[in-house]
Amino acid sequence: MKIYTKFFGEIIIDDNDIITFNSGIPGFEEYKKFIILDLESKSTLKCLQSTESKDVCLVIINPWDYFNDYQIELSDDEVDCLEIEKEEDVLVYNVLTIRQDKITANLLAPIVINSLKKKGKQIILSNTNYKIRQEIVCL
């Protein structure tokens, strides 16, 4: 399948790599289909690119690359919604906000993906002190 992307122009993707967000992502609810792309080779930065709009692309990171003690707990409803059967099938990412003066990660609302079923959801953690804008010092 051919898609148009914000950072890479026109690319060909495998339909099997498309992740479905049944409710969309907050702020982008109308877009349901996304793909994860490496921003650069050997970089920990990735892009969560909409396959439906080239302008909808979120820069994401694996939280454990930057926050060793990061922990999340999914509710039974979230596990059911994503059809998670095994922990090893779960991918977790955090959305970055990149400004001239600093880079922050949204640790409070991770994106959780069932890599086997290709289903994703942005969840909001409860009972935690994580921030929406946690500064990242080194990228």
Protein backbone atom coordinates (compact mmCIF):
# COMPACT_ATOMS: atom_id res chain seq x y z
CA MET A 1 0.00 0.00 0.00
CA LYS A 2 1.28 3.49 -0.84
CA ILE A 3 0.92 6.28 1.74
CA TYR A 4 2.08 9.87 2.03
CA THR A 5 3.94 10.83 5.19
CA LYS A 6 4.98 14.00 6.95
CA PHE A 7 8.71 13.23 7.19
CA PHE A 8 9.34 10.60 4.51
CA GLY A 9 7.17 11.65 1.58
CA GLU A 10 5.59 8.83 -0.37
CA ILE A 11 6.39 5.34 0.90
CA ILE A 12 5.16 1.78 0.43
CA ILE A 13 4.01 -0.04 3.56
CA ASP A 14 2.85 -3.54 4.29
CA ASP A 15 -0.86 -3.65 5.17
CA ASN A 16 0.03 -6.15 7.93
CA ASP A 17 1.97 -3.42 9.76
CA ILE A 18 -1.05 -1.12 10.14
CA ILE A 19 -2.19 -0.60 13.73
CA THR A 20 -5.86 0.15 14.31
CA PHE A 21 -6.93 2.60 17.01
CA ASN A 22 -10.68 1.94 17.21
CA SER A 23 -11.30 5.22 19.05
CA GLY A 24 -8.55 7.12 17.30
CA ILE A 25 -6.02 9.02 19.39
CA PRO A 26 -7.17 11.97 21.54
CA GLY A 27 -7.07 15.03 19.33
CA PHE A 28 -7.07 12.86 16.20
CA GLU A 29 -10.17 10.73 16.78
CA GLU A 30 -11.14 10.68 13.09
CA TYR A 31 -7.95 8.80 12.17
CA LYS A 32 -7.93 5.11 13.05
CA LYS A 33 -5.06 3.57 11.06
CA PHE A 34 -1.40 4.19 11.91
CA ILE A 35 2.01 2.72 11.26
CA ILE A 36 5.23 2.97 13.25
CA LEU A 37 8.25 4.20 11.32
CA ASP A 38 11.84 4.71 12.44
CA LEU A 39 12.63 8.42 12.33
CA GLU A 40 16.30 7.75 11.58
CA SER A 41 18.40 4.62 11.55
CA LYS A 42 20.06 3.97 14.91
CA SER A 43 17.72 6.47 16.58
CA THR A 44 15.38 5.71 19.46
CA LEU A 45 12.85 8.12 17.96
CA LYS A 46 9.96 6.71 16.00
CA CYS A 47 6.95 8.16 14.21
CA LEU A 48 3.38 7.08 14.72
CA GLN A 49 2.19 8.05 11.24
CA SER A 50 -1.45 8.08 10.19
CA THR A 51 -2.04 6.14 6.99
CA GLU A 52 -5.09 8.35 6.38
CA SER A 53 -3.46 11.78 6.63
CA LYS A 54 0.16 12.69 5.90
CA ASP A 55 -0.07 15.59 8.37
CA VAL A 56 -0.91 13.41 11.38
CA CYS A 57 2.36 12.10 12.73
CA LEU A 58 3.44 11.83 16.35
CA VAL A 59 7.05 11.44 17.41
CA ILE A 60 7.22 8.64 19.98
CA ILE A 61 9.76 6.88 22.18
CA ASN A 62 10.02 3.65 24.10
CA PRO A 63 9.81 4.98 27.68
CA TRP A 64 12.36 2.52 29.07
CA ASP A 65 15.04 4.01 26.85
CA TYR A 66 14.82 7.16 29.01
CA PHE A 67 12.96 6.26 32.22
CA ASN A 68 14.21 2.94 33.62
CA ASP A 69 11.66 2.83 36.44
CA TYR A 70 8.61 3.67 34.29
CA GLN A 71 5.65 1.42 35.11
CA ILE A 72 2.15 1.13 33.79
CA GLU A 73 -0.77 -0.99 34.80
CA LEU A 74 -3.62 -1.67 32.41
CA SER A 75 -7.18 -2.11 33.58
CA ASP A 76 -9.07 -5.29 32.71
CA ASP A 77 -11.15 -3.22 30.26
CA GLU A 78 -8.01 -1.96 28.50
CA VAL A 79 -6.59 -5.49 28.30
CA ASP A 80 -9.90 -6.72 26.85
CA CYS A 81 -10.17 -3.80 24.42
CA LEU A 82 -6.69 -4.50 23.05
CA GLU A 83 -7.24 -8.28 23.18
CA ILE A 84 -3.98 -8.74 25.08
CA GLU A 85 -3.22 -12.32 26.00
CA LYS A 86 0.50 -12.15 26.80
CA GLU A 87 2.61 -9.34 28.22
CA GLU A 88 5.30 -9.89 25.58
CA ASP A 89 2.81 -8.89 22.86
CA VAL A 90 2.51 -5.38 24.33
CA LEU A 91 4.42 -2.35 23.05
CA VAL A 92 4.38 0.92 24.99
CA TYR A 93 5.30 4.32 23.62
CA ASN A 94 5.14 7.90 24.84
CA VAL A 95 4.41 10.90 22.66
CA LEU A 96 7.06 13.62 22.54
CA THR A 97 6.55 17.34 22.34
CA ILE A 98 9.54 18.99 20.73
CA ARG A 99 10.08 22.69 21.30
CA GLN A 100 13.09 24.91 20.72
CA ASP A 101 13.93 25.07 24.40
CA LYS A 102 13.09 21.53 25.54
CA ILE A 103 11.73 18.10 24.68
CA THR A 104 9.08 16.50 26.86
CA ALA A 105 7.43 13.09 26.96
CA ASN A 106 3.84 12.43 27.94
CA LEU A 107 4.33 9.76 30.60
CA LEU A 108 0.77 10.07 31.90
CA ALA A 109 -0.91 8.91 28.68
CA PRO A 110 1.12 6.15 27.01
CA ILE A 111 0.21 4.57 23.71
CA VAL A 112 -0.26 0.85 24.22
CA ILE A 113 -0.22 -1.54 21.27
CA ASN A 114 -0.99 -5.22 20.97
CA SER A 115 1.74 -6.07 18.45
CA LEU A 116 0.15 -9.41 17.60
CA LYS A 117 -3.40 -8.16 16.95
CA LYS A 118 -2.26 -4.73 15.68
CA LYS A 119 -4.61 -2.87 17.99
CA GLY A 120 -3.67 0.34 19.78
CA LYS A 121 -5.04 2.73 22.35
CA GLN A 122 -3.78 5.78 24.19
CA ILE A 123 -4.59 5.27 27.84
CA ILE A 124 -4.53 7.65 30.79
CA LEU A 125 -2.82 6.22 33.84
CA SER A 126 -4.41 6.70 37.23
CA ASN A 127 -2.87 6.68 40.70
CA THR A 128 0.48 7.91 39.44
CA ASN A 129 2.70 10.96 39.67
CA TYR A 130 3.73 10.82 36.01
CA LYS A 131 3.51 14.08 34.10
CA ILE A 132 2.08 15.03 30.74
CA ARG A 133 5.27 16.99 30.09
CA GLN A 134 8.22 15.17 31.60
CA GLU A 135 11.41 16.77 30.33
CA ILE A 136 13.90 14.59 28.50
CA VAL A 137 17.45 15.75 28.97
CA CYS A 138 19.30 13.66 26.38
CA LEU A 139 18.10 12.32 23.01
